[in-house]
Protein backbone atom coordinates (compact mmCIF):
# COMPACT_ATOMS: atom_id res chain seq x y z
CA MET A 1 118.68 109.76 108.42
CA ILE A 2 118.41 112.06 105.00
CA PHE A 3 116.94 111.02 102.30
CA THR A 4 118.20 112.39 98.60
CA GLY A 5 117.78 111.26 95.17
CA ASP A 6 116.41 108.04 94.33
CA ASP A 7 116.03 107.21 98.30
CA ILE A 8 113.35 109.80 98.29
CA ARG A 9 111.45 107.83 95.07
CA LEU A 10 111.78 104.67 97.29
CA TYR A 11 110.72 106.08 100.48
CA ARG A 12 107.67 107.55 98.57
CA LEU A 13 106.74 103.78 97.36
CA HIS A 14 107.13 102.55 101.19
CA VAL A 15 104.69 105.25 102.50
CA LEU A 16 102.34 104.93 99.61
CA ARG A 17 102.00 101.06 100.06
CA ALA A 18 101.48 101.76 103.76
CA ALA A 19 98.84 104.23 102.95
CA LEU A 20 96.86 101.45 100.87
CA GLU A 21 97.30 98.83 103.53
CA LEU A 22 95.68 101.08 105.85
CA GLU A 23 92.86 102.09 103.30
CA ILE A 24 92.42 98.27 103.29
CA LYS A 25 91.83 97.78 106.98
CA GLY A 26 89.17 100.97 106.76
CA LEU A 27 91.16 103.71 107.69
CA LYS A 28 90.85 106.65 105.01
CA ARG A 29 93.11 110.05 104.25
CA SER A 30 91.09 112.90 105.28
CA ARG A 31 91.88 115.11 102.33
CA GLY A 32 93.08 114.43 98.29
CA PRO A 33 93.02 111.35 96.40
CA THR A 34 93.32 107.65 98.13
CA ALA A 35 96.72 105.96 97.80
CA TYR A 36 94.65 103.54 95.64
CA SER A 37 93.99 105.83 93.32
CA ILE A 38 97.33 107.36 93.23
CA ALA A 39 98.87 103.62 92.88
CA LYS A 40 96.46 102.90 89.84
CA SER A 41 96.91 106.05 87.94
CA GLU A 42 100.81 106.54 88.72
CA PHE A 43 101.69 102.88 88.29
CA GLY A 44 98.84 101.72 85.79
CA PHE A 45 97.65 98.96 88.15
CA ARG A 46 94.59 97.21 87.68
CA GLY A 47 92.02 95.41 90.18
CA ASN A 48 90.64 95.78 93.58
CA ARG A 49 92.48 97.20 96.33
CA GLN A 50 94.43 93.87 97.33
CA LYS A 51 95.45 93.34 93.93
CA VAL A 52 96.81 97.03 93.59
CA LEU A 53 98.33 96.25 96.81
CA ASP A 54 100.21 93.04 95.78
CA GLN A 55 101.12 94.51 92.64
CA LEU A 56 103.00 97.67 94.68
CA THR A 57 104.54 95.45 97.07
CA GLN A 58 106.03 93.46 94.19
CA TYR A 59 107.06 96.62 92.07
CA THR A 60 108.48 97.86 95.61
CA LYS A 61 110.69 94.81 96.05
CA GLU A 62 111.89 95.21 92.51
CA GLN A 63 112.85 98.78 92.77
CA VAL A 64 114.41 98.18 96.24
CA GLU A 65 116.58 95.15 94.87
CA GLN A 66 117.64 97.12 91.63
CA ARG A 67 118.78 100.02 94.23
CA GLU A 68 120.67 97.55 96.68
CA PRO A 69 123.94 96.85 94.87
CA GLN A 70 124.73 100.70 94.34
CA HIS A 71 124.86 100.92 97.89
CA ALA A 72 127.05 98.18 98.46
């Protein structure tokens, strides 16, 4: 499967959400900023890791719902 255009942006949101879930469970990235700090800085989310994950999950769902009618 090849991702192009908006699909890349949506895929990145899913990966960021998955990385944040792993951070909550205790796993950390070896280099660079955490998924938590990326989500907070790029989207302006506030709160602890769980609250940011909830906000990111909701945002991702909204973006996917907006995208789906175009694929139909």
